């Protein structure tokens, strides 16, 4: 059974600025135009972060299946390739994350003009 630290590592938190930065820039621009909505910005930030995390999860699965994360891999260890997280568990986490993100995205669709 994977430990919390294995799941935190699988999140690859250092990749999140790639998804958060554009949201912060767009939010700042919306604020200057008087069109900023806190709730929408938070949901967008959540969705952008989740899309990055889902990408990281699925990347772990496919890198493992291709054998890309072998013993000679440079960088941090991967949960699936080390066997700490099963492929099934990673697919489950990815699927649940996708559903949650879609639901949050539907809220954004509902408030759009």
PDB file of N, CA and C in Angstrom:
ATOM      1  N   UNK A   1       0.849  -1.187   0.000  1.00  0.00           N
ATOM      2  CA  UNK A   1       0.000   0.000   0.000  1.00  0.00           C
ATOM      3  C   UNK A   1       0.893   1.248   0.000  1.00  0.00           C
ATOM      4  N   UNK A   2       0.603   2.166  -0.927  1.00  0.00           N
ATOM      5  CA  UNK A   2       1.432   3.379  -0.993  1.00  0.00           C
ATOM      6  C   UNK A   2       1.224   4.265   0.231  1.00  0.00           C
ATOM      7  N   UNK A   3       2.285   4.930   0.598  1.00  0.00           N
ATOM      8  CA  UNK A   3       2.218   5.881   1.703  1.00  0.00           C
ATOM      9  C   UNK A   3       1.887   7.264   1.147  1.00  0.00           C
ATOM     10  N   UNK A   4       1.494   8.156   2.016  1.00  0.00           N
ATOM     11  CA  UNK A   4       1.160   9.518   1.597  1.00  0.00           C
ATOM     12  C   UNK A   4       2.339  10.173   0.888  1.00  0.00           C
ATOM     13  N   UNK A   5       3.549   9.934   1.377  1.00  0.00           N
ATOM     14  CA  UNK A   5       4.734  10.541   0.754  1.00  0.00           C
ATOM     15  C   UNK A   5       4.900  10.076  -0.697  1.00  0.00           C
ATOM     16  N   UNK A   6       4.468   8.853  -1.008  1.00  0.00           N
ATOM     17  CA  UNK A   6       4.549   8.362  -2.386  1.00  0.00           C
ATOM     18  C   UNK A   6       3.579   9.127  -3.282  1.00  0.00           C
ATOM     19  N   UNK A   7       2.382   9.383  -2.771  1.00  0.00           N
ATOM     20  CA  UNK A   7       1.391  10.142  -3.549  1.00  0.00           C
ATOM     21  C   UNK A   7       1.816  11.601  -3.697  1.00  0.00           C
ATOM     22  N   UNK A   8       2.371  12.179  -2.645  1.00  0.00           N
ATOM     23  CA  UNK A   8       2.856  13.563  -2.731  1.00  0.00           C
ATOM     24  C   UNK A   8       3.959  13.656  -3.781  1.00  0.00           C
ATOM     25  N   UNK A   9       4.849  12.682  -3.810  1.00  0.00           N
ATOM     26  CA  UNK A   9       5.913  12.667  -4.821  1.00  0.00           C
ATOM     27  C   UNK A   9       5.316  12.542  -6.217  1.00  0.00           C
ATOM     28  N   UNK A  10       4.263  11.729  -6.355  1.00  0.00           N
ATOM     29  CA  UNK A  10       3.620  11.539  -7.658  1.00  0.00           C
ATOM     30  C   UNK A  10       2.930  12.804  -8.153  1.00  0.00           C
ATOM     31  N   UNK A  11       2.549  13.682  -7.242  1.00  0.00           N
ATOM     32  CA  UNK A  11       1.936  14.954  -7.641  1.00  0.00           C
ATOM     33  C   UNK A  11       2.918  15.810  -8.445  1.00  0.00           C
ATOM     34  N   UNK A  12       4.207  15.641  -8.158  1.00  0.00           N
ATOM     35  CA  UNK A  12       5.282  16.431  -8.774  1.00  0.00           C
ATOM     36  C   UNK A  12       4.994  17.921  -8.593  1.00  0.00           C
ATOM     37  N   UNK A  13       4.941  18.330  -7.349  1.00  0.00           N
ATOM     38  CA  UNK A  13       4.563  19.699  -6.999  1.00  0.00           C
ATOM     39  C   UNK A  13       5.422  20.757  -7.689  1.00  0.00           C
ATOM     40  N   UNK A  14       6.668  20.426  -7.994  1.00  0.00           N
ATOM     41  CA  UNK A  14       7.536  21.421  -8.638  1.00  0.00           C
ATOM     42  C   UNK A  14       7.085  21.746 -10.065  1.00  0.00           C
ATOM     43  N   UNK A  15       6.178  20.938 -10.636  1.00  0.00           N
ATOM     44  CA  UNK A  15       5.666  21.235 -11.980  1.00  0.00           C
ATOM     45  C   UNK A  15       4.449  22.161 -11.951  1.00  0.00           C
ATOM     46  N   UNK A  16       3.883  22.377 -10.787  1.00  0.00           N
ATOM     47  CA  UNK A  16       2.654  23.177 -10.696  1.00  0.00           C
ATOM     48  C   UNK A  16       2.797  24.637 -11.130  1.00  0.00           C
ATOM     49  N   UNK A  17       3.940  25.289 -10.931  1.00  0.00           N
ATOM     50  CA  UNK A  17       4.036  26.670 -11.423  1.00  0.00           C
ATOM     51  C   UNK A  17       3.756  26.809 -12.926  1.00  0.00           C
ATOM     52  N   UNK A  18       3.998  25.757 -13.689  1.00  0.00           N
ATOM     53  CA  UNK A  18       3.715  25.811 -15.128  1.00  0.00           C
ATOM     54  C   UNK A  18       2.225  25.976 -15.402  1.00  0.00           C
ATOM     55  N   UNK A  19       1.378  25.460 -14.523  1.00  0.00           N
ATOM     56  CA  UNK A  19      -0.061  25.607 -14.711  1.00  0.00           C
ATOM     57  C   UNK A  19      -0.632  26.791 -13.934  1.00  0.00           C
ATOM     58  N   UNK A  20       0.005  27.153 -12.841  1.00  0.00           N
ATOM     59  CA  UNK A  20      -0.502  28.235 -11.996  1.00  0.00           C
ATOM     60  C   UNK A  20      -0.158  29.613 -12.561  1.00  0.00           C
ATOM     61  N   UNK A  21       1.020  29.774 -13.115  1.00  0.00           N
ATOM     62  CA  UNK A  21       1.480  31.084 -13.603  1.00  0.00           C
ATOM     63  C   UNK A  21       0.516  31.744 -14.592  1.00  0.00           C
ATOM     64  N   UNK A  22       0.063  31.041 -15.628  1.00  0.00           N
ATOM     65  CA  UNK A  22      -0.857  31.691 -16.562  1.00  0.00           C
ATOM     66  C   UNK A  22      -2.170  32.127 -15.915  1.00  0.00           C
ATOM     67  N   UNK A  23      -2.625  31.353 -14.945  1.00  0.00           N
ATOM     68  CA  UNK A  23      -3.869  31.706 -14.245  1.00  0.00           C
ATOM     69  C   UNK A  23      -3.665  32.978 -13.426  1.00  0.00           C
ATOM     70  N   UNK A  24      -2.538  33.086 -12.756  1.00  0.00           N
ATOM     71  CA  UNK A  24      -2.258  34.287 -11.963  1.00  0.00           C
ATOM     72  C   UNK A  24      -2.120  35.520 -12.856  1.00  0.00           C
ATOM     73  N   UNK A  25      -1.470  35.361 -13.991  1.00  0.00           N
ATOM     74  CA  UNK A  25      -1.320  36.482 -14.924  1.00  0.00           C
ATOM     75  C   UNK A  25      -2.682  36.913 -15.467  1.00  0.00           C
ATOM     76  N   UNK A  26      -3.494  35.955 -15.874  1.00  0.00           N
ATOM     77  CA  UNK A  26      -4.828  36.280 -16.391  1.00  0.00           C
ATOM     78  C   UNK A  26      -5.703  36.895 -15.305  1.00  0.00           C
ATOM     79  N   UNK A  27      -5.572  36.412 -14.096  1.00  0.00           N
ATOM     80  CA  UNK A  27      -6.339  36.972 -12.979  1.00  0.00           C
ATOM     81  C   UNK A  27      -5.945  38.412 -12.709  1.00  0.00           C
ATOM     82  N   UNK A  28      -4.654  38.686 -12.747  1.00  0.00           N
ATOM     83  CA  UNK A  28      -4.179  40.057 -12.547  1.00  0.00           C
ATOM     84  C   UNK A  28      -4.711  40.968 -13.645  1.00  0.00           C
ATOM     85  N   UNK A  29      -4.713  40.490 -14.871  1.00  0.00           N
ATOM     86  CA  UNK A  29      -5.236  41.277 -15.992  1.00  0.00           C
ATOM     87  C   UNK A  29      -6.732  41.539 -15.811  1.00  0.00           C
ATOM     88  N   UNK A  30      -7.488  40.494 -15.435  1.00  0.00           N
ATOM     89  CA  UNK A  30      -8.926  40.661 -15.206  1.00  0.00           C
ATOM     90  C   UNK A  30      -9.179  41.670 -14.092  1.00  0.00           C
ATOM     91  N   UNK A  31      -8.339  41.647 -13.073  1.00  0.00           N
ATOM     92  CA  UNK A  31      -8.477  42.593 -11.958  1.00  0.00           C
ATOM     93  C   UNK A  31      -8.295  44.024 -12.446  1.00  0.00           C
ATOM     94  N   UNK A  32      -7.290  44.243 -13.308  1.00  0.00           N
ATOM     95  CA  UNK A  32      -7.052  45.604 -13.809  1.00  0.00           C
ATOM     96  C   UNK A  32      -8.195  46.097 -14.676  1.00  0.00           C
ATOM     97  N   UNK A  33      -8.940  45.179 -15.267  1.00  0.00           N
ATOM     98  CA  UNK A  33     -10.080  45.535 -16.117  1.00  0.00           C
ATOM     99  C   UNK A  33     -11.394  45.572 -15.349  1.00  0.00           C
ATOM    100  N   UNK A  34     -11.320  45.331 -14.037  1.00  0.00           N
ATOM    101  CA  UNK A  34     -12.524  45.348 -13.214  1.00  0.00           C
ATOM    102  C   UNK A  34     -13.434  44.153 -13.444  1.00  0.00           C
ATOM    103  N   UNK A  35     -12.874  43.050 -13.940  1.00  0.00           N
ATOM    104  CA  UNK A  35     -13.682  41.870 -14.249  1.00  0.00           C
ATOM    105  C   UNK A  35     -13.245  40.639 -13.453  1.00  0.00           C
ATOM    106  N   UNK A  36     -12.572  40.867 -12.344  1.00  0.00           N
ATOM    107  CA  UNK A  36     -12.047  39.765 -11.549  1.00  0.00           C
ATOM    108  C   UNK A  36     -13.141  39.148 -10.698  1.00  0.00           C
ATOM    109  N   UNK A  37     -13.186  37.836 -10.667  1.00  0.00           N
ATOM    110  CA  UNK A  37     -14.146  37.078  -9.865  1.00  0.00           C
ATOM    111  C   UNK A  37     -13.343  36.085  -9.024  1.00  0.00           C
ATOM    112  N   UNK A  38     -13.345  36.288  -7.718  1.00  0.00           N
ATOM    113  CA  UNK A  38     -12.540  35.439  -6.823  1.00  0.00           C
ATOM    114  C   UNK A  38     -12.887  33.963  -6.958  1.00  0.00           C
ATOM    115  N   UNK A  39     -14.163  33.637  -6.926  1.00  0.00           N
ATOM    116  CA  UNK A  39     -14.563  32.234  -6.982  1.00  0.00           C
ATOM    117  C   UNK A  39     -14.149  31.607  -8.311  1.00  0.00           C
ATOM    118  N   UNK A  40     -14.391  32.304  -9.390  1.00  0.00           N
ATOM    119  CA  UNK A  40     -13.993  31.773 -10.696  1.00  0.00           C
ATOM    120  C   UNK A  40     -12.480  31.585 -10.758  1.00  0.00           C
ATOM    121  N   UNK A  41     -11.727  32.540 -10.244  1.00  0.00           N
ATOM    122  CA  UNK A  41     -10.269  32.445 -10.263  1.00  0.00           C
ATOM    123  C   UNK A  41      -9.778  31.242  -9.458  1.00  0.00           C
ATOM    124  N   UNK A  42     -10.387  31.006  -8.320  1.00  0.00           N
ATOM    125  CA  UNK A  42      -9.993  29.864  -7.489  1.00  0.00           C
ATOM    126  C   UNK A  42     -10.316  28.548  -8.197  1.00  0.00           C
ATOM    127  N   UNK A  43     -11.478  28.476  -8.815  1.00  0.00           N
ATOM    128  CA  UNK A  43     -11.858  27.250  -9.528  1.00  0.00           C
ATOM    129  C   UNK A  43     -10.950  27.032 -10.741  1.00  0.00           C
ATOM    130  N   UNK A  44     -10.637  28.097 -11.453  1.00  0.00           N
ATOM    131  CA  UNK A  44      -9.718  27.981 -12.593  1.00  0.00           C
ATOM    132  C   UNK A  44      -8.341  27.527 -12.114  1.00  0.00           C
ATOM    133  N   UNK A  45      -7.871  28.102 -11.025  1.00  0.00           N
ATOM    134  CA  UNK A  45      -6.583  27.704 -10.459  1.00  0.00           C
ATOM    135  C   UNK A  45      -6.600  26.228 -10.054  1.00  0.00           C
ATOM    136  N   UNK A  46      -7.695  25.804  -9.458  1.00  0.00           N
ATOM    137  CA  UNK A  46      -7.854  24.398  -9.083  1.00  0.00           C
ATOM    138  C   UNK A  46      -7.822  23.502 -10.314  1.00  0.00           C
ATOM    139  N   UNK A  47      -8.606  23.852 -11.336  1.00  0.00           N
ATOM    140  CA  UNK A  47      -8.663  23.030 -12.551  1.00  0.00           C
ATOM    141  C   UNK A  47      -7.308  22.966 -13.252  1.00  0.00           C
ATOM    142  N   UNK A  48      -6.641  24.094 -13.361  1.00  0.00           N
ATOM    143  CA  UNK A  48      -5.328  24.118 -14.013  1.00  0.00           C
ATOM    144  C   UNK A  48      -4.334  23.240 -13.248  1.00  0.00           C
ATOM    145  N   UNK A  49      -4.351  23.328 -11.938  1.00  0.00           N
ATOM    146  CA  UNK A  49      -3.457  22.498 -11.121  1.00  0.00           C
ATOM    147  C   UNK A  49      -3.799  21.026 -11.263  1.00  0.00           C
ATOM    148  N   UNK A  50      -5.070  20.714 -11.266  1.00  0.00           N
ATOM    149  CA  UNK A  50      -5.497  19.321 -11.398  1.00  0.00           C
ATOM    150  C   UNK A  50      -5.125  18.749 -12.763  1.00  0.00           C
ATOM    151  N   UNK A  51      -5.251  19.539 -13.809  1.00  0.00           N
ATOM    152  CA  UNK A  51      -4.864  19.055 -15.136  1.00  0.00           C
ATOM    153  C   UNK A  51      -3.380  18.714 -15.151  1.00  0.00           C
ATOM    154  N   UNK A  52      -2.562  19.533 -14.512  1.00  0.00           N
ATOM    155  CA  UNK A  52      -1.127  19.255 -14.426  1.00  0.00           C
ATOM    156  C   UNK A  52      -0.878  17.976 -13.628  1.00  0.00           C
ATOM    157  N   UNK A  53      -1.568  17.819 -12.519  1.00  0.00           N
ATOM    158  CA  UNK A  53      -1.398  16.631 -11.674  1.00  0.00           C
ATOM    159  C   UNK A  53      -1.844  15.374 -12.411  1.00  0.00           C
ATOM    160  N   UNK A  54      -2.982  15.445 -13.099  1.00  0.00           N
ATOM    161  CA  UNK A  54      -3.474  14.303 -13.872  1.00  0.00           C
ATOM    162  C   UNK A  54      -2.456  13.921 -14.941  1.00  0.00           C
ATOM    163  N   UNK A  55      -1.896  14.916 -15.597  1.00  0.00           N
ATOM    164  CA  UNK A  55      -0.861  14.665 -16.599  1.00  0.00           C
ATOM    165  C   UNK A  55       0.331  13.952 -15.968  1.00  0.00           C
ATOM    166  N   UNK A  56       0.742  14.390 -14.794  1.00  0.00           N
ATOM    167  CA  UNK A  56       1.852  13.755 -14.095  1.00  0.00           C
ATOM    168  C   UNK A  56       1.525  12.296 -13.738  1.00  0.00           C
ATOM    169  N   UNK A  57       0.307  12.056 -13.263  1.00  0.00           N
ATOM    170  CA  UNK A  57      -0.105  10.698 -12.910  1.00  0.00           C
ATOM    171  C   UNK A  57      -0.069   9.783 -14.136  1.00  0.00           C
ATOM    172  N   UNK A  58      -0.677  10.228 -15.214  1.00  0.00           N
ATOM    173  CA  UNK A  58      -0.755   9.397 -16.414  1.00  0.00           C
ATOM    174  C   UNK A  58       0.629   9.211 -17.029  1.00  0.00           C
ATOM    175  N   UNK A  59       1.474  10.236 -16.922  1.00  0.00           N
ATOM    176  CA  UNK A  59       2.845  10.115 -17.393  1.00  0.00           C
ATOM    177  C   UNK A  59       3.578   9.003 -16.649  1.00  0.00           C
ATOM    178  N   UNK A  60       3.342   8.890 -15.357  1.00  0.00           N
ATOM    179  CA  UNK A  60       3.973   7.819 -14.575  1.00  0.00           C
ATOM    180  C   UNK A  60       3.578   6.449 -15.113  1.00  0.00           C
ATOM    181  N   UNK A  61       2.308   6.293 -15.437  1.00  0.00           N
ATOM    182  CA  UNK A  61       1.824   5.006 -15.948  1.00  0.00           C
ATOM    183  C   UNK A  61       2.501   4.661 -17.265  1.00  0.00           C
ATOM    184  N   UNK A  62       2.489   5.595 -18.202  1.00  0.00           N
ATOM    185  CA  UNK A  62       3.019   5.294 -19.531  1.00  0.00           C
ATOM    186  C   UNK A  62       4.539   5.208 -19.547  1.00  0.00           C
ATOM    187  N   UNK A  63       5.219   5.997 -18.734  1.00  0.00           N
ATOM    188  CA  UNK A  63       6.670   5.845 -18.636  1.00  0.00           C
ATOM    189  C   UNK A  63       7.031   4.470 -18.080  1.00  0.00           C
ATOM    190  N   UNK A  64       6.254   4.001 -17.116  1.00  0.00           N
ATOM    191  CA  UNK A  64       6.478   2.663 -16.570  1.00  0.00           C
ATOM    192  C   UNK A  64       6.249   1.602 -17.639  1.00  0.00           C
ATOM    193  N   UNK A  65       5.148   1.721 -18.372  1.00  0.00           N
ATOM    194  CA  UNK A  65       4.828   0.729 -19.398  1.00  0.00           C
ATOM    195  C   UNK A  65       5.874   0.705 -20.510  1.00  0.00           C
ATOM    196  N   UNK A  66       6.454   1.864 -20.826  1.00  0.00           N
ATOM    197  CA  UNK A  66       7.488   1.936 -21.864  1.00  0.00           C
ATOM    198  C   UNK A  66       8.867   1.571 -21.323  1.00  0.00           C
ATOM    199  N   UNK A  67       8.992   1.467 -20.014  1.00  0.00           N
ATOM    200  CA  UNK A  67      10.284   1.169 -19.412  1.00  0.00           C
ATOM    201  C   UNK A  67      11.192   2.383 -19.325  1.00  0.00           C
ATOM    202  N   UNK A  68      10.612   3.562 -19.410  1.00  0.00           N
ATOM    203  CA  UNK A  68      11.405   4.795 -19.407  1.00  0.00           C
ATOM    204  C   UNK A  68      11.948   5.156 -18.025  1.00  0.00           C
ATOM    205  N   UNK A  69      11.346   4.638 -16.989  1.00  0.00           N
ATOM    206  CA  UNK A  69      11.765   4.972 -15.621  1.00  0.00           C
ATOM    207  C   UNK A  69      12.530   3.814 -14.994  1.00  0.00           C
ATOM    208  N   UNK A  70      13.597   3.385 -15.642  1.00  0.00           N
ATOM    209  CA  UNK A  70      14.398   2.278 -15.126  1.00  0.00           C
ATOM    210  C   UNK A  70      15.356   2.724 -14.045  1.00  0.00           C
ATOM    211  N   UNK A  71      16.239   1.820 -13.668  1.00  0.00           N
ATOM    212  CA  UNK A  71      17.213   2.092 -12.607  1.00  0.00           C
ATOM    213  C   UNK A  71      18.188   3.206 -12.978  1.00  0.00           C
ATOM    214  N   UNK A  72      18.396   3.416 -14.289  1.00  0.00           N
ATOM    215  CA  UNK A  72      19.346   4.431 -14.744  1.00  0.00           C
ATOM    216  C   UNK A  72      18.711   5.822 -14.863  1.00  0.00           C
ATOM    217  N   UNK A  73      17.460   5.951 -14.436  1.00  0.00           N
ATOM    218  CA  UNK A  73      16.741   7.213 -14.539  1.00  0.00           C
ATOM    219  C   UNK A  73      17.382   8.277 -13.654  1.00  0.00           C
ATOM    220  N   UNK A  74      17.534   9.470 -14.212  1.00  0.00           N
ATOM    221  CA  UNK A  74      18.029  10.604 -13.433  1.00  0.00           C
ATOM    222  C   UNK A  74      16.833  11.344 -12.848  1.00  0.00           C
ATOM    223  N   UNK A  75      17.007  11.923 -11.698  1.00  0.00           N
ATOM    224  CA  UNK A  75      15.930  12.690 -11.076  1.00  0.00           C
ATOM    225  C   UNK A  75      15.231  11.884  -9.991  1.00  0.00           C
ATOM    226  N   UNK A  76      14.095  12.420  -9.569  1.00  0.00           N
ATOM    227  CA  UNK A  76      13.369  11.791  -8.460  1.00  0.00           C
ATOM    228  C   UNK A  76      12.790  10.439  -8.890  1.00  0.00           C
ATOM    229  N   UNK A  77      12.590   9.589  -7.903  1.00  0.00           N
ATOM    230  CA  UNK A  77      12.029   8.267  -8.190  1.00  0.00           C
ATOM    231  C   UNK A  77      10.543   8.395  -8.476  1.00  0.00           C
ATOM    232  N   UNK A  78      10.050   7.460  -9.240  1.00  0.00           N
ATOM    233  CA  UNK A  78       8.638   7.449  -9.607  1.00  0.00           C
ATOM    234  C   UNK A  78       7.934   6.320  -8.859  1.00  0.00           C
ATOM    235  N   UNK A  79       6.758   6.620  -8.357  1.00  0.00           N
ATOM    236  CA  UNK A  79       6.011   5.664  -7.544  1.00  0.00           C
ATOM    237  C   UNK A  79       5.618   4.404  -8.277  1.00  0.00           C
ATOM    238  N   UNK A  80       5.186   4.537  -9.520  1.00  0.00           N
ATOM    239  CA  UNK A  80       4.744   3.362 -10.262  1.00  0.00           C
ATOM    240  C   UNK A  80       5.937   2.494 -10.650  1.00  0.00           C
ATOM    241  N   UNK A  81       7.002   3.102 -11.133  1.00  0.00           N
ATOM    242  CA  UNK A  81       8.157   2.313 -11.577  1.00  0.00           C
ATOM    243  C   UNK A  81       8.858   1.597 -10.415  1.00  0.00           C
ATOM    244  N   UNK A  82       8.764   2.156  -9.228  1.00  0.00           N
ATOM    245  CA  UNK A  82       9.381   1.505  -8.073  1.00  0.00           C
ATOM    246  C   UNK A  82       8.459   0.474  -7.438  1.00  0.00           C
ATOM    247  N   UNK A  83       7.212   0.439  -7.878  1.00  0.00           N
ATOM    248  CA  UNK A  83       6.251  -0.503  -7.320  1.00  0.00           C
ATOM    249  C   UNK A  83       5.567  -0.012  -6.063  1.00  0.00           C
ATOM    250  N   UNK A  84       5.858   1.215  -5.655  1.00  0.00           N
ATOM    251  CA  UNK A  84       5.215   1.751  -4.443  1.00  0.00           C
ATOM    252  C   UNK A  84       3.746   2.083  -4.698  1.00  0.00           C
ATOM    253  N   UNK A  85       3.447   2.437  -5.950  1.00  0.00           N
ATOM    254  CA  UNK A  85       2.069   2.706  -6.357  1.00  0.00           C
ATOM    255  C   UNK A  85       1.777   1.785  -7.534  1.00  0.00           C
ATOM    256  N   UNK A  86       0.699   1.019  -7.445  1.00  0.00           N
ATOM    257  CA  UNK A  86       0.363   0.106  -8.541  1.00  0.00           C
ATOM    258  C   UNK A  86      -0.218   0.892  -9.719  1.00  0.00           C
ATOM    259  N   UNK A  87      -0.113   0.300 -10.890  1.00  0.00           N
ATOM    260  CA  UNK A  87      -0.712   0.913 -12.081  1.00  0.00           C
ATOM    261  C   UNK A  87      -2.209   1.096 -11.853  1.00  0.00           C
ATOM    262  N   UNK A  88      -2.839   0.095 -11.266  1.00  0.00           N
ATOM    263  CA  UNK A  88      -4.286   0.182 -10.994  1.00  0.00           C
ATOM    264  C   UNK A  88      -4.609   1.352 -10.066  1.00  0.00           C
ATOM    265  N   UNK A  89      -3.830   1.515  -9.012  1.00  0.00           N
ATOM    266  CA  UNK A  89      -4.069   2.623  -8.079  1.00  0.00           C
ATOM    267  C   UNK A  89      -3.865   3.967  -8.769  1.00  0.00           C
ATOM    268  N   UNK A  90      -2.850   4.047  -9.632  1.00  0.00           N
ATOM    269  CA  UNK A  90      -2.595   5.310 -10.335  1.00  0.00           C
ATOM    270  C   UNK A  90      -3.707   5.603 -11.335  1.00  0.00           C
ATOM    271  N   UNK A  91      -4.215   4.562 -12.027  1.00  0.00           N
ATOM    272  CA  UNK A  91      -5.358   4.769 -12.925  1.00  0.00           C
ATOM    273  C   UNK A  91      -6.582   5.223 -12.126  1.00  0.00           C
ATOM    274  N   UNK A  92      -6.805   4.619 -10.978  1.00  0.00           N
ATOM    275  CA  UNK A  92      -7.944   5.003 -10.138  1.00  0.00           C
ATOM    276  C   UNK A  92      -7.829   6.454  -9.696  1.00  0.00           C
ATOM    277  N   UNK A  93      -6.649   6.834  -9.223  1.00  0.00           N
ATOM    278  CA  UNK A  93      -6.434   8.220  -8.790  1.00  0.00           C
ATOM    279  C   UNK A  93      -6.604   9.183  -9.954  1.00  0.00           C
ATOM    280  N   UNK A  94      -6.118   8.787 -11.125  1.00  0.00           N
ATOM    281  CA  UNK A  94      -6.253   9.634 -12.314  1.00  0.00           C
ATOM    282  C   UNK A  94      -7.718   9.788 -12.693  1.00  0.00           C
ATOM    283  N   UNK A  95      -8.448   8.691 -12.687  1.00  0.00           N
ATOM    284  CA  UNK A  95      -9.869   8.725 -13.071  1.00  0.00           C
ATOM    285  C   UNK A  95     -10.694   9.577 -12.119  1.00  0.00           C
ATOM    286  N   UNK A  96     -10.472   9.409 -10.834  1.00  0.00           N
ATOM    287  CA  UNK A  96     -11.191  10.212  -9.836  1.00  0.00           C
ATOM    288  C   UNK A  96     -10.838  11.683 -10.007  1.00  0.00           C
ATOM    289  N   UNK A  97      -9.572  11.966 -10.238  1.00  0.00           N
ATOM    290  CA  UNK A  97      -9.135  13.353 -10.439  1.00  0.00           C
ATOM    291  C   UNK A  97      -9.762  13.964 -11.680  1.00  0.00           C
ATOM    292  N   UNK A  98      -9.874  13.177 -12.738  1.00  0.00           N
ATOM    293  CA  UNK A  98     -10.496  13.665 -13.975  1.00  0.00           C
ATOM    294  C   UNK A  98     -11.957  14.025 -13.724  1.00  0.00           C
ATOM    295  N   UNK A  99     -12.676  13.160 -13.037  1.00  0.00           N
ATOM    296  CA  UNK A  99     -14.100  13.420 -12.758  1.00  0.00           C
ATOM    297  C   UNK A  99     -14.259  14.683 -11.916  1.00  0.00           C
ATOM    298  N   UNK A 100     -13.457  14.830 -10.887  1.00  0.00           N
ATOM    299  CA  UNK A 100     -13.537  16.019 -10.027  1.00  0.00           C
ATOM    300  C   UNK A 100     -13.235  17.283 -10.832  1.00  0.00           C
ATOM    301  N   UNK A 101     -12.240  17.202 -11.697  1.00  0.00           N
ATOM    302  CA  UNK A 101     -11.856  18.364 -12.502  1.00  0.00           C
ATOM    303  C   UNK A 101     -12.941  18.714 -13.507  1.00  0.00           C
ATOM    304  N   UNK A 102     -13.558  17.721 -14.110  1.00  0.00           N
ATOM    305  CA  UNK A 102     -14.662  17.974 -15.042  1.00  0.00           C
ATOM    306  C   UNK A 102     -15.820  18.646 -14.313  1.00  0.00           C
ATOM    307  N   UNK A 103     -16.136  18.171 -13.129  1.00  0.00           N
ATOM    308  CA  UNK A 103     -17.232  18.783 -12.357  1.00  0.00           C
ATOM    309  C   UNK A 103     -16.926  20.245 -12.037  1.00  0.00           C
ATOM    310  N   UNK A 104     -15.692  20.522 -11.646  1.00  0.00           N
ATOM    311  CA  UNK A 104     -15.307  21.912 -11.377  1.00  0.00           C
ATOM    312  C   UNK A 104     -15.382  22.730 -12.660  1.00  0.00           C
ATOM    313  N   UNK A 105     -14.965  22.132 -13.771  1.00  0.00           N
ATOM    314  CA  UNK A 105     -15.031  22.814 -15.057  1.00  0.00           C
ATOM    315  C   UNK A 105     -16.466  23.109 -15.471  1.00  0.00           C
ATOM    316  N   UNK A 106     -17.388  22.221 -15.138  1.00  0.00           N
ATOM    317  CA  UNK A 106     -18.800  22.462 -15.457  1.00  0.00           C
ATOM    318  C   UNK A 106     -19.319  23.685 -14.725  1.00  0.00           C
ATOM    319  N   UNK A 107     -18.824  23.912 -13.518  1.00  0.00           N
ATOM    320  CA  UNK A 107     -19.195  25.144 -12.810  1.00  0.00           C
ATOM    321  C   UNK A 107     -18.751  26.357 -13.635  1.00  0.00           C
ATOM    322  N   UNK A 108     -17.544  26.315 -14.159  1.00  0.00           N
ATOM    323  CA  UNK A 108     -17.041  27.436 -14.962  1.00  0.00           C
ATOM    324  C   UNK A 108     -17.878  27.636 -16.212  1.00  0.00           C
ATOM    325  N   UNK A 109     -18.301  26.549 -16.819  1.00  0.00           N
ATOM    326  CA  UNK A 109     -19.168  26.658 -17.989  1.00  0.00           C
ATOM    327  C   UNK A 109     -20.496  27.309 -17.597  1.00  0.00           C
ATOM    328  N   UNK A 110     -21.004  26.940 -16.434  1.00  0.00           N
ATOM    329  CA  UNK A 110     -22.296  27.475 -16.005  1.00  0.00           C
ATOM    330  C   UNK A 110     -22.278  28.975 -15.714  1.00  0.00           C
ATOM    331  N   UNK A 111     -21.129  29.528 -15.370  1.00  0.00           N
ATOM    332  CA  UNK A 111     -21.060  30.967 -15.065  1.00  0.00           C
ATOM    333  C   UNK A 111     -20.547  31.784 -16.243  1.00  0.00           C
ATOM    334  N   UNK A 112     -20.187  31.103 -17.323  1.00  0.00           N
ATOM    335  CA  UNK A 112     -19.645  31.859 -18.478  1.00  0.00           C
ATOM    336  C   UNK A 112     -20.767  32.588 -19.207  1.00  0.00           C
ATOM    337  N   UNK A 113     -20.380  33.622 -19.904  1.00  0.00           N
ATOM    338  CA  UNK A 113     -21.369  34.408 -20.667  1.00  0.00           C
ATOM    339  C   UNK A 113     -21.634  33.794 -22.009  1.00  0.00           C
TER     340      UNK A 113
END
